[in-house]
C-alpha cells in the first residue's frame, strides 16, 4: 500500500480570470468595465489545497472527478505537474467544472461564477477504504458532500484525522461537520448553522467530543480555532493583495502541514495565515500556492499588525 501524508476528496476547476480596473456595479461608471488582463488558471477547493500541501513538501493524493473536455485534461496535467498522486482521479464524460472570476485591481476582491456538469459528481463508492487508510490525514470539501461524509467516516474508523473545507450551508452540512474531526469553516458558516452570531459561541455549540479543533477563517482579520475549552486567534499578515481567489484553500493546506508537523494551535494558525497571505499577492488559485521557504520567511517576519 502506498502511504500519503494527506489524501483529499473534493473539487477542482479551471478558472477564467478577468482582472478589472474596479469592482463591477449594476449602475453608474462601473457598470461597464474594460478587461485589463485575461488568464486561464487552474483552481478548485481541493485541487488548490492539495497543491499547497505538495508545494510544502507533503505527499498528497487527490480523489475527484474530472471531465473529458479540454479543461479536464488541463487540470489533470496541472496537478500531475505539481506532484500529486492522481491514481484516485475519475475521468467521466462531461464538462469539467469551470469558473469565471472577476478580480478588482483596486482591492483584489473577486466575484466567482461557476458551473459543472452534474455527471461529474463523485460517487460514494468511488471513495475506497484502502485509499483513506493509507493517509496520515484526510481532507474533504463540500463539493460532493456524500462522498466527503463517507471519506470522513472511513477516516474516523481508521483513527485518521479529517479536516474539512466548509463554505456553504445546506441539508448535509451539519452531517459533514459531525463526520470530520477538524472542521474548518468559512466565516459565515458557524452563525448560519447555529443561529448564533458570535463566532466563539457558535463554535462551542458545534463542538462534539471527537472534534480535535474547530477552525474559522476570517479573511483580512486572520483566523481562530477552538481546541477543548480554549480559543486561539491569529492576526492576518499585511501584504499587498492582488487576488484573494484560493486564499482559503491555501490556508487549509498550510493548516494541514503545520498540524502534521505537530505545531501548537496558535502556531498552526499563524503558519496557515502566512500561506494564505502569500497566495493573495498573486493572480489565481493554484498559481498563488507558496513554497515552504516563502511561508517560513513571512512567519519569521514582522509583517503582522
C-alpha atoms as a PDB file:
ATOM      1  CA  UNK A   1       0.000   0.000   0.000  1.00  0.00           C
ATOM      2  CA  UNK A   2       1.316   3.448  -0.949  1.00  0.00           C
ATOM      3  CA  UNK A   3       1.222   5.794   2.040  1.00  0.00           C
ATOM      4  CA  UNK A   4       0.432   9.503   1.777  1.00  0.00           C
ATOM      5  CA  UNK A   5       0.654  12.395   4.203  1.00  0.00           C
ATOM      6  CA  UNK A   6      -2.709  13.682   3.014  1.00  0.00           C
ATOM      7  CA  UNK A   7      -5.488  12.262   0.860  1.00  0.00           C
ATOM      8  CA  UNK A   8      -8.008  14.826  -0.392  1.00  0.00           C
ATOM      9  CA  UNK A   9     -11.518  14.278  -1.707  1.00  0.00           C
ATOM     10  CA  UNK A  10     -13.249  17.142  -3.485  1.00  0.00           C
ATOM     11  CA  UNK A  11     -13.432  19.731  -6.220  1.00  0.00           C
ATOM     12  CA  UNK A  12     -11.242  21.026  -8.995  1.00  0.00           C
ATOM     13  CA  UNK A  13     -11.852  23.743 -11.574  1.00  0.00           C
ATOM     14  CA  UNK A  14     -10.379  25.715 -14.427  1.00  0.00           C
ATOM     15  CA  UNK A  15     -10.705  29.438 -13.793  1.00  0.00           C
ATOM     16  CA  UNK A  16     -11.129  32.101 -16.457  1.00  0.00           C
ATOM     17  CA  UNK A  17      -9.791  35.107 -14.571  1.00  0.00           C
ATOM     18  CA  UNK A  18     -10.622  38.637 -15.729  1.00  0.00           C
ATOM     19  CA  UNK A  19      -8.808  41.479 -13.994  1.00  0.00           C
ATOM     20  CA  UNK A  20     -10.888  44.670 -13.941  1.00  0.00           C
ATOM     21  CA  UNK A  21      -9.930  48.272 -13.080  1.00  0.00           C
ATOM     22  CA  UNK A  22     -12.655  48.461 -10.404  1.00  0.00           C
ATOM     23  CA  UNK A  23     -15.319  46.336  -8.730  1.00  0.00           C
ATOM     24  CA  UNK A  24     -18.347  45.857 -11.037  1.00  0.00           C
ATOM     25  CA  UNK A  25     -21.605  47.590 -10.079  1.00  0.00           C
ATOM     26  CA  UNK A  26     -25.058  47.356 -11.682  1.00  0.00           C
ATOM     27  CA  UNK A  27     -25.359  51.132 -12.121  1.00  0.00           C
ATOM     28  CA  UNK A  28     -23.010  54.054 -12.722  1.00  0.00           C
ATOM     29  CA  UNK A  29     -19.449  54.320 -14.007  1.00  0.00           C
ATOM     30  CA  UNK A  30     -18.534  50.744 -13.051  1.00  0.00           C
ATOM     31  CA  UNK A  31     -21.449  49.134 -14.869  1.00  0.00           C
ATOM     32  CA  UNK A  32     -19.223  48.794 -17.947  1.00  0.00           C
ATOM     33  CA  UNK A  33     -15.556  47.976 -17.470  1.00  0.00           C
ATOM     34  CA  UNK A  34     -12.783  47.165 -19.910  1.00  0.00           C
ATOM     35  CA  UNK A  35     -10.922  43.965 -19.025  1.00  0.00           C
ATOM     36  CA  UNK A  36      -7.343  44.762 -18.004  1.00  0.00           C
ATOM     37  CA  UNK A  37      -5.990  41.223 -18.162  1.00  0.00           C
ATOM     38  CA  UNK A  38      -7.260  37.747 -19.031  1.00  0.00           C
ATOM     39  CA  UNK A  39      -5.820  34.483 -17.707  1.00  0.00           C
ATOM     40  CA  UNK A  40      -6.790  30.810 -17.744  1.00  0.00           C
ATOM     41  CA  UNK A  41      -5.655  29.272 -14.447  1.00  0.00           C
ATOM     42  CA  UNK A  42      -6.331  26.070 -12.534  1.00  0.00           C
ATOM     43  CA  UNK A  43      -8.089  26.008  -9.181  1.00  0.00           C
ATOM     44  CA  UNK A  44     -10.933  24.460  -7.224  1.00  0.00           C
ATOM     45  CA  UNK A  45     -11.131  23.958  -3.462  1.00  0.00           C
ATOM     46  CA  UNK A  46      -9.449  20.579  -3.077  1.00  0.00           C
ATOM     47  CA  UNK A  47      -7.072  20.892  -6.014  1.00  0.00           C
ATOM     48  CA  UNK A  48      -5.690  24.137  -4.576  1.00  0.00           C
ATOM     49  CA  UNK A  49      -5.423  22.843  -1.005  1.00  0.00           C
ATOM     50  CA  UNK A  50      -3.577  19.706  -2.111  1.00  0.00           C
ATOM     51  CA  UNK A  51      -1.301  21.678  -4.443  1.00  0.00           C
ATOM     52  CA  UNK A  52      -0.373  23.723  -1.384  1.00  0.00           C
ATOM     53  CA  UNK A  53       0.352  20.561   0.601  1.00  0.00           C
ATOM     54  CA  UNK A  54       2.566  19.253  -2.206  1.00  0.00           C
ATOM     55  CA  UNK A  55       4.409  22.569  -2.517  1.00  0.00           C
ATOM     56  CA  UNK A  56       5.124  22.495   1.226  1.00  0.00           C
ATOM     57  CA  UNK A  57       6.644  19.027   0.867  1.00  0.00           C
ATOM     58  CA  UNK A  58       3.812  16.659   1.782  1.00  0.00           C
ATOM     59  CA  UNK A  59       2.950  13.519  -0.192  1.00  0.00           C
ATOM     60  CA  UNK A  60      -0.555  14.249  -1.438  1.00  0.00           C
ATOM     61  CA  UNK A  61      -3.155  12.168  -3.254  1.00  0.00           C
ATOM     62  CA  UNK A  62      -6.206  13.636  -4.988  1.00  0.00           C
ATOM     63  CA  UNK A  63      -9.535  11.823  -5.343  1.00  0.00           C
ATOM     64  CA  UNK A  64     -12.054  13.645  -7.523  1.00  0.00           C
ATOM     65  CA  UNK A  65     -13.941  13.649 -10.798  1.00  0.00           C
ATOM     66  CA  UNK A  66     -12.712  15.360 -13.955  1.00  0.00           C
ATOM     67  CA  UNK A  67     -14.289  15.784 -17.368  1.00  0.00           C
ATOM     68  CA  UNK A  68     -13.318  14.511 -20.790  1.00  0.00           C
ATOM     69  CA  UNK A  69     -13.106  18.052 -22.204  1.00  0.00           C
ATOM     70  CA  UNK A  70     -10.037  20.273 -22.615  1.00  0.00           C
ATOM     71  CA  UNK A  71     -10.475  21.682 -19.105  1.00  0.00           C
ATOM     72  CA  UNK A  72     -10.474  18.181 -17.635  1.00  0.00           C
ATOM     73  CA  UNK A  73      -7.196  17.452 -19.372  1.00  0.00           C
ATOM     74  CA  UNK A  74      -5.798  20.814 -18.298  1.00  0.00           C
ATOM     75  CA  UNK A  75      -6.490  20.251 -14.592  1.00  0.00           C
ATOM     76  CA  UNK A  76      -5.086  16.702 -14.653  1.00  0.00           C
ATOM     77  CA  UNK A  77      -1.901  17.900 -16.330  1.00  0.00           C
ATOM     78  CA  UNK A  78      -1.518  20.760 -13.845  1.00  0.00           C
ATOM     79  CA  UNK A  79      -1.978  18.546 -10.772  1.00  0.00           C
ATOM     80  CA  UNK A  80       0.401  15.918 -12.153  1.00  0.00           C
ATOM     81  CA  UNK A  81       2.996  18.630 -12.798  1.00  0.00           C
ATOM     82  CA  UNK A  82       2.690  19.683  -9.160  1.00  0.00           C
ATOM     83  CA  UNK A  83       3.467  16.178  -7.958  1.00  0.00           C
ATOM     84  CA  UNK A  84       0.061  14.944  -6.810  1.00  0.00           C
ATOM     85  CA  UNK A  85      -0.815  11.244  -6.939  1.00  0.00           C
ATOM     86  CA  UNK A  86      -3.730  11.100  -9.388  1.00  0.00           C
ATOM     87  CA  UNK A  87      -4.412   7.365  -9.215  1.00  0.00           C
ATOM     88  CA  UNK A  88      -7.739   8.126  -7.499  1.00  0.00           C
ATOM     89  CA  UNK A  89      -8.896  10.613 -10.139  1.00  0.00           C
ATOM     90  CA  UNK A  90     -12.020   9.685 -12.089  1.00  0.00           C
ATOM     91  CA  UNK A  91     -12.355  10.729 -15.751  1.00  0.00           C
ATOM     92  CA  UNK A  92     -16.012  10.885 -16.729  1.00  0.00           C
ATOM     93  CA  UNK A  93     -17.879  12.002 -19.843  1.00  0.00           C
ATOM     94  CA  UNK A  94     -18.927  15.605 -19.320  1.00  0.00           C
ATOM     95  CA  UNK A  95     -17.792  19.203 -18.893  1.00  0.00           C
ATOM     96  CA  UNK A  96     -15.230  19.791 -16.160  1.00  0.00           C
ATOM     97  CA  UNK A  97     -16.073  22.402 -13.531  1.00  0.00           C
ATOM     98  CA  UNK A  98     -15.040  25.878 -14.622  1.00  0.00           C
ATOM     99  CA  UNK A  99     -15.396  29.350 -13.189  1.00  0.00           C
ATOM    100  CA  UNK A 100     -15.463  32.904 -14.477  1.00  0.00           C
ATOM    101  CA  UNK A 101     -13.695  35.052 -11.879  1.00  0.00           C
ATOM    102  CA  UNK A 102     -13.753  38.848 -11.949  1.00  0.00           C
ATOM    103  CA  UNK A 103     -10.970  40.424  -9.876  1.00  0.00           C
ATOM    104  CA  UNK A 104     -10.762  44.113  -8.913  1.00  0.00           C
ATOM    105  CA  UNK A 105      -7.328  45.675  -9.459  1.00  0.00           C
ATOM    106  CA  UNK A 106      -8.097  48.134  -6.672  1.00  0.00           C
ATOM    107  CA  UNK A 107      -8.839  45.689  -3.836  1.00  0.00           C
ATOM    108  CA  UNK A 108      -8.049  42.171  -5.065  1.00  0.00           C
ATOM    109  CA  UNK A 109     -11.590  41.111  -4.138  1.00  0.00           C
ATOM    110  CA  UNK A 110     -13.393  38.853  -6.578  1.00  0.00           C
ATOM    111  CA  UNK A 111     -16.713  37.529  -7.812  1.00  0.00           C
ATOM    112  CA  UNK A 112     -16.877  33.846  -8.809  1.00  0.00           C
ATOM    113  CA  UNK A 113     -19.408  32.431 -11.288  1.00  0.00           C
ATOM    114  CA  UNK A 114     -19.151  28.676 -11.820  1.00  0.00           C
ATOM    115  CA  UNK A 115     -20.731  25.616 -13.396  1.00  0.00           C
ATOM    116  CA  UNK A 116     -20.111  21.850 -13.514  1.00  0.00           C
ATOM    117  CA  UNK A 117     -21.767  19.007 -15.379  1.00  0.00           C
ATOM    118  CA  UNK A 118     -23.906  17.073 -12.858  1.00  0.00           C
ATOM    119  CA  UNK A 119     -22.445  13.839 -14.233  1.00  0.00           C
ATOM    120  CA  UNK A 120     -19.139  14.759 -12.606  1.00  0.00           C
ATOM    121  CA  UNK A 121     -20.482  14.307  -9.069  1.00  0.00           C
ATOM    122  CA  UNK A 122     -18.118  11.959  -7.210  1.00  0.00           C
ATOM    123  CA  UNK A 123     -19.989   8.831  -6.108  1.00  0.00           C
ATOM    124  CA  UNK A 124     -19.748   7.267  -2.649  1.00  0.00           C
ATOM    125  CA  UNK A 125     -18.349   4.009  -3.988  1.00  0.00           C
ATOM    126  CA  UNK A 126     -15.511   5.891  -5.698  1.00  0.00           C
ATOM    127  CA  UNK A 127     -14.074   6.593  -2.235  1.00  0.00           C
ATOM    128  CA  UNK A 128     -12.487   3.321  -1.081  1.00  0.00           C
ATOM    129  CA  UNK A 129     -11.441   2.387   2.436  1.00  0.00           C
ATOM    130  CA  UNK A 130      -7.892   1.452   1.450  1.00  0.00           C
ATOM    131  CA  UNK A 131      -7.346   4.936  -0.028  1.00  0.00           C
ATOM    132  CA  UNK A 132      -8.312   6.536   3.279  1.00  0.00           C
ATOM    133  CA  UNK A 133      -6.372   4.095   5.450  1.00  0.00           C
ATOM    134  CA  UNK A 134      -3.138   4.958   3.610  1.00  0.00           C
ATOM    135  CA  UNK A 135      -3.201   8.576   4.846  1.00  0.00           C
ATOM    136  CA  UNK A 136      -1.833  10.422   7.861  1.00  0.00           C
ATOM    137  CA  UNK A 137      -4.689  12.893   7.354  1.00  0.00           C
ATOM    138  CA  UNK A 138      -7.787  13.098   5.142  1.00  0.00           C
ATOM    139  CA  UNK A 139      -9.055  16.433   3.816  1.00  0.00           C
ATOM    140  CA  UNK A 140     -12.575  16.850   2.402  1.00  0.00           C
ATOM    141  CA  UNK A 141     -14.583  19.743   0.997  1.00  0.00           C
ATOM    142  CA  UNK A 142     -18.296  20.348   0.481  1.00  0.00           C
ATOM    143  CA  UNK A 143     -18.407  19.973  -3.305  1.00  0.00           C
ATOM    144  CA  UNK A 144     -19.624  16.348  -3.294  1.00  0.00           C
ATOM    145  CA  UNK A 145     -20.827  16.115   0.279  1.00  0.00           C
ATOM    146  CA  UNK A 146     -21.966  12.492   0.419  1.00  0.00           C
ATOM    147  CA  UNK A 147     -18.579  11.300  -0.827  1.00  0.00           C
ATOM    148  CA  UNK A 148     -16.878  13.619   1.679  1.00  0.00           C
ATOM    149  CA  UNK A 149     -19.023  12.318   4.553  1.00  0.00           C
ATOM    150  CA  UNK A 150     -18.159   8.748   3.593  1.00  0.00           C
ATOM    151  CA  UNK A 151     -14.445   9.606   3.461  1.00  0.00           C
ATOM    152  CA  UNK A 152     -14.571  11.320   6.868  1.00  0.00           C
ATOM    153  CA  UNK A 153     -16.359   8.338   8.449  1.00  0.00           C
ATOM    154  CA  UNK A 154     -13.836   5.923   6.962  1.00  0.00           C
ATOM    155  CA  UNK A 155     -11.078   8.137   8.386  1.00  0.00           C
ATOM    156  CA  UNK A 156     -12.699   8.036  11.813  1.00  0.00           C
ATOM    157  CA  UNK A 157     -12.872   4.232  11.699  1.00  0.00           C
ATOM    158  CA  UNK A 158      -9.161   4.145  10.835  1.00  0.00           C
ATOM    159  CA  UNK A 159      -8.242   6.715  13.539  1.00  0.00           C
ATOM    160  CA  UNK A 160      -7.073   9.132  10.847  1.00  0.00           C
ATOM    161  CA  UNK A 161      -7.753  12.851  11.462  1.00  0.00           C
ATOM    162  CA  UNK A 162     -10.062  14.502   8.915  1.00  0.00           C
ATOM    163  CA  UNK A 163     -10.065  18.216   8.133  1.00  0.00           C
ATOM    164  CA  UNK A 164     -12.680  19.972   6.045  1.00  0.00           C
ATOM    165  CA  UNK A 165     -13.370  22.940   3.802  1.00  0.00           C
ATOM    166  CA  UNK A 166     -16.926  24.059   4.606  1.00  0.00           C
ATOM    167  CA  UNK A 167     -18.135  27.282   2.974  1.00  0.00           C
ATOM    168  CA  UNK A 168     -21.817  26.669   2.251  1.00  0.00           C
ATOM    169  CA  UNK A 169     -24.850  25.596   4.249  1.00  0.00           C
ATOM    170  CA  UNK A 170     -27.438  23.053   3.135  1.00  0.00           C
ATOM    171  CA  UNK A 171     -29.201  19.937   4.444  1.00  0.00           C
ATOM    172  CA  UNK A 172     -25.968  17.903   4.572  1.00  0.00           C
ATOM    173  CA  UNK A 173     -23.645  20.499   6.123  1.00  0.00           C
ATOM    174  CA  UNK A 174     -24.241  19.563   9.755  1.00  0.00           C
ATOM    175  CA  UNK A 175     -23.723  15.892   8.927  1.00  0.00           C
ATOM    176  CA  UNK A 176     -20.382  16.753   7.319  1.00  0.00           C
ATOM    177  CA  UNK A 177     -19.349  18.863  10.328  1.00  0.00           C
ATOM    178  CA  UNK A 178     -20.133  15.966  12.650  1.00  0.00           C
ATOM    179  CA  UNK A 179     -18.273  13.446  10.459  1.00  0.00           C
ATOM    180  CA  UNK A 180     -14.886  15.204  10.435  1.00  0.00           C
ATOM    181  CA  UNK A 181     -12.542  15.656  13.386  1.00  0.00           C
ATOM    182  CA  UNK A 182     -11.274  19.140  12.454  1.00  0.00           C
ATOM    183  CA  UNK A 183     -13.931  21.215  10.666  1.00  0.00           C
ATOM    184  CA  UNK A 184     -12.528  24.385   9.073  1.00  0.00           C
ATOM    185  CA  UNK A 185     -15.273  26.874   8.276  1.00  0.00           C
ATOM    186  CA  UNK A 186     -15.676  29.991   6.202  1.00  0.00           C
ATOM    187  CA  UNK A 187     -16.668  32.848   8.498  1.00  0.00           C
ATOM    188  CA  UNK A 188     -20.376  32.907   7.620  1.00  0.00           C
ATOM    189  CA  UNK A 189     -20.999  29.190   8.210  1.00  0.00           C
ATOM    190  CA  UNK A 190     -20.996  28.726  12.037  1.00  0.00           C
ATOM    191  CA  UNK A 191     -23.565  31.519  12.610  1.00  0.00           C
ATOM    192  CA  UNK A 192     -25.728  30.157   9.775  1.00  0.00           C
ATOM    193  CA  UNK A 193     -25.645  26.641  11.253  1.00  0.00           C
ATOM    194  CA  UNK A 194     -26.308  27.649  14.851  1.00  0.00           C
ATOM    195  CA  UNK A 195     -28.241  30.925  14.702  1.00  0.00           C
ATOM    196  CA  UNK A 196     -25.530  32.328  17.000  1.00  0.00           C
ATOM    197  CA  UNK A 197     -23.885  35.471  15.551  1.00  0.00           C
ATOM    198  CA  UNK A 198     -20.919  35.357  17.959  1.00  0.00           C
ATOM    199  CA  UNK A 199     -18.322  33.084  16.360  1.00  0.00           C
ATOM    200  CA  UNK A 200     -16.858  31.787  19.607  1.00  0.00           C
ATOM    201  CA  UNK A 201     -20.246  30.808  20.984  1.00  0.00           C
ATOM    202  CA  UNK A 202     -21.204  29.317  17.601  1.00  0.00           C
ATOM    203  CA  UNK A 203     -18.103  27.083  17.632  1.00  0.00           C
ATOM    204  CA  UNK A 204     -18.887  25.914  21.161  1.00  0.00           C
ATOM    205  CA  UNK A 205     -22.397  24.980  20.019  1.00  0.00           C
ATOM    206  CA  UNK A 206     -20.982  22.981  17.094  1.00  0.00           C
ATOM    207  CA  UNK A 207     -18.273  21.257  19.148  1.00  0.00           C
ATOM    208  CA  UNK A 208     -18.548  17.488  19.564  1.00  0.00           C
ATOM    209  CA  UNK A 209     -16.483  15.188  21.785  1.00  0.00           C
ATOM    210  CA  UNK A 210     -14.469  13.830  18.831  1.00  0.00           C
ATOM    211  CA  UNK A 211     -13.554  17.267  17.441  1.00  0.00           C
ATOM    212  CA  UNK A 212      -9.836  17.931  17.893  1.00  0.00           C
ATOM    213  CA  UNK A 213     -10.239  21.554  16.778  1.00  0.00           C
ATOM    214  CA  UNK A 214     -12.869  23.753  15.122  1.00  0.00           C
ATOM    215  CA  UNK A 215     -11.344  26.493  12.989  1.00  0.00           C
ATOM    216  CA  UNK A 216     -12.756  29.576  11.234  1.00  0.00           C
ATOM    217  CA  UNK A 217     -11.053  31.627   8.520  1.00  0.00           C
ATOM    218  CA  UNK A 218     -11.649  35.365   8.905  1.00  0.00           C
ATOM    219  CA  UNK A 219     -10.138  36.788   5.706  1.00  0.00           C
ATOM    220  CA  UNK A 220      -8.298  40.063   6.458  1.00  0.00           C
ATOM    221  CA  UNK A 221      -8.914  39.511  10.180  1.00  0.00           C
ATOM    222  CA  UNK A 222      -6.917  36.278  10.314  1.00  0.00           C
ATOM    223  CA  UNK A 223      -8.292  33.089  11.834  1.00  0.00           C
ATOM    224  CA  UNK A 224      -9.400  31.461  15.078  1.00  0.00           C
ATOM    225  CA  UNK A 225      -9.684  27.926  16.399  1.00  0.00           C
ATOM    226  CA  UNK A 226     -11.324  26.196  19.348  1.00  0.00           C
ATOM    227  CA  UNK A 227      -9.377  23.356  20.957  1.00  0.00           C
ATOM    228  CA  UNK A 228     -11.008  21.830  24.013  1.00  0.00           C
ATOM    229  CA  UNK A 229     -12.229  24.807  26.016  1.00  0.00           C
ATOM    230  CA  UNK A 230      -9.692  27.311  24.701  1.00  0.00           C
ATOM    231  CA  UNK A 231      -9.979  29.762  21.815  1.00  0.00           C
ATOM    232  CA  UNK A 232      -6.846  30.709  19.866  1.00  0.00           C
ATOM    233  CA  UNK A 233      -6.669  33.672  17.475  1.00  0.00           C
ATOM    234  CA  UNK A 234      -4.050  34.782  14.959  1.00  0.00           C
ATOM    235  CA  UNK A 235      -3.966  38.074  13.081  1.00  0.00           C
ATOM    236  CA  UNK A 236      -3.592  38.242   9.316  1.00  0.00           C
ATOM    237  CA  UNK A 237      -0.302  39.251   7.742  1.00  0.00           C
ATOM    238  CA  UNK A 238      -0.118  42.594   5.968  1.00  0.00           C
ATOM    239  CA  UNK A 239       0.506  42.108   2.251  1.00  0.00           C
ATOM    240  CA  UNK A 240      -0.378  43.896  -0.977  1.00  0.00           C
ATOM    241  CA  UNK A 241      -3.419  41.995  -2.230  1.00  0.00           C
ATOM    242  CA  UNK A 242      -3.615  41.152  -5.930  1.00  0.00           C
ATOM    243  CA  UNK A 243      -6.239  38.378  -5.879  1.00  0.00           C
ATOM    244  CA  UNK A 244      -7.926  36.612  -2.936  1.00  0.00           C
ATOM    245  CA  UNK A 245      -9.018  33.631  -5.069  1.00  0.00           C
ATOM    246  CA  UNK A 246      -7.951  30.378  -3.399  1.00  0.00           C
ATOM    247  CA  UNK A 247      -6.705  32.018  -0.190  1.00  0.00           C
ATOM    248  CA  UNK A 248      -8.984  29.883   1.993  1.00  0.00           C
ATOM    249  CA  UNK A 249      -7.865  26.723   0.204  1.00  0.00           C
ATOM    250  CA  UNK A 250      -4.201  27.644   0.641  1.00  0.00           C
ATOM    251  CA  UNK A 251      -4.938  28.362   4.334  1.00  0.00           C
ATOM    252  CA  UNK A 252      -6.193  24.797   4.692  1.00  0.00           C
ATOM    253  CA  UNK A 253      -3.092  23.404   3.017  1.00  0.00           C
ATOM    254  CA  UNK A 254      -0.931  25.410   5.411  1.00  0.00           C
ATOM    255  CA  UNK A 255      -3.060  24.288   8.352  1.00  0.00           C
ATOM    256  CA  UNK A 256      -2.641  20.628   7.362  1.00  0.00           C
ATOM    257  CA  UNK A 257       1.143  20.979   7.031  1.00  0.00           C
ATOM    258  CA  UNK A 258       1.536  22.656  10.434  1.00  0.00           C
ATOM    259  CA  UNK A 259      -0.883  20.231  12.108  1.00  0.00           C
ATOM    260  CA  UNK A 260       1.003  17.203  10.799  1.00  0.00           C
ATOM    261  CA  UNK A 261       4.262  18.831  11.918  1.00  0.00           C
ATOM    262  CA  UNK A 262       2.833  18.873  15.450  1.00  0.00           C
ATOM    263  CA  UNK A 263       2.570  22.639  15.889  1.00  0.00           C
ATOM    264  CA  UNK A 264       0.502  24.126  18.719  1.00  0.00           C
ATOM    265  CA  UNK A 265      -2.904  25.587  17.706  1.00  0.00           C
ATOM    266  CA  UNK A 266      -1.779  29.224  17.680  1.00  0.00           C
ATOM    267  CA  UNK A 267       1.283  28.380  15.592  1.00  0.00           C
ATOM    268  CA  UNK A 268      -0.828  26.360  13.163  1.00  0.00           C
ATOM    269  CA  UNK A 269      -3.000  29.438  12.599  1.00  0.00           C
ATOM    270  CA  UNK A 270      -0.014  31.734  12.147  1.00  0.00           C
ATOM    271  CA  UNK A 271       1.582  29.393   9.588  1.00  0.00           C
ATOM    272  CA  UNK A 272      -1.686  28.940   7.683  1.00  0.00           C
ATOM    273  CA  UNK A 273      -2.332  32.700   7.734  1.00  0.00           C
ATOM    274  CA  UNK A 274       1.101  33.272   6.208  1.00  0.00           C
ATOM    275  CA  UNK A 275       0.485  30.752   3.431  1.00  0.00           C
ATOM    276  CA  UNK A 276      -2.866  32.377   2.620  1.00  0.00           C
ATOM    277  CA  UNK A 277      -1.361  35.872   2.672  1.00  0.00           C
ATOM    278  CA  UNK A 278       1.314  34.950   0.130  1.00  0.00           C
ATOM    279  CA  UNK A 279      -1.339  33.461  -2.152  1.00  0.00           C
ATOM    280  CA  UNK A 280      -3.170  36.811  -2.139  1.00  0.00           C
ATOM    281  CA  UNK A 281      -0.146  38.527  -3.689  1.00  0.00           C
ATOM    282  CA  UNK A 282      -0.522  36.516  -6.915  1.00  0.00           C
ATOM    283  CA  UNK A 283      -3.224  36.054  -9.501  1.00  0.00           C
ATOM    284  CA  UNK A 284      -5.138  32.780  -9.443  1.00  0.00           C
ATOM    285  CA  UNK A 285      -5.726  29.908  -7.026  1.00  0.00           C
ATOM    286  CA  UNK A 286      -3.150  27.169  -7.711  1.00  0.00           C
ATOM    287  CA  UNK A 287      -0.948  29.819  -9.338  1.00  0.00           C
ATOM    288  CA  UNK A 288      -0.775  31.524  -5.917  1.00  0.00           C
ATOM    289  CA  UNK A 289       0.430  28.478  -3.968  1.00  0.00           C
ATOM    290  CA  UNK A 290       3.545  29.358  -1.900  1.00  0.00           C
ATOM    291  CA  UNK A 291       6.709  27.386  -1.200  1.00  0.00           C
ATOM    292  CA  UNK A 292       7.744  26.313   2.293  1.00  0.00           C
ATOM    293  CA  UNK A 293      10.632  28.782   2.265  1.00  0.00           C
ATOM    294  CA  UNK A 294       8.270  31.656   1.426  1.00  0.00           C
ATOM    295  CA  UNK A 295       5.881  30.772   4.240  1.00  0.00           C
ATOM    296  CA  UNK A 296       8.665  30.376   6.782  1.00  0.00           C
ATOM    297  CA  UNK A 297      10.108  33.724   5.753  1.00  0.00           C
ATOM    298  CA  UNK A 298       6.793  35.512   6.289  1.00  0.00           C
ATOM    299  CA  UNK A 299       6.126  33.711   9.586  1.00  0.00           C
ATOM    300  CA  UNK A 300       9.505  34.919  10.850  1.00  0.00           C
ATOM    301  CA  UNK A 301       8.968  38.484   9.609  1.00  0.00           C
ATOM    302  CA  UNK A 302       7.323  41.408  11.364  1.00  0.00           C
ATOM    303  CA  UNK A 303       4.540  41.786   8.781  1.00  0.00           C
ATOM    304  CA  UNK A 304       1.717  41.232  11.278  1.00  0.00           C
ATOM    305  CA  UNK A 305      -0.242  44.253  12.583  1.00  0.00           C
END
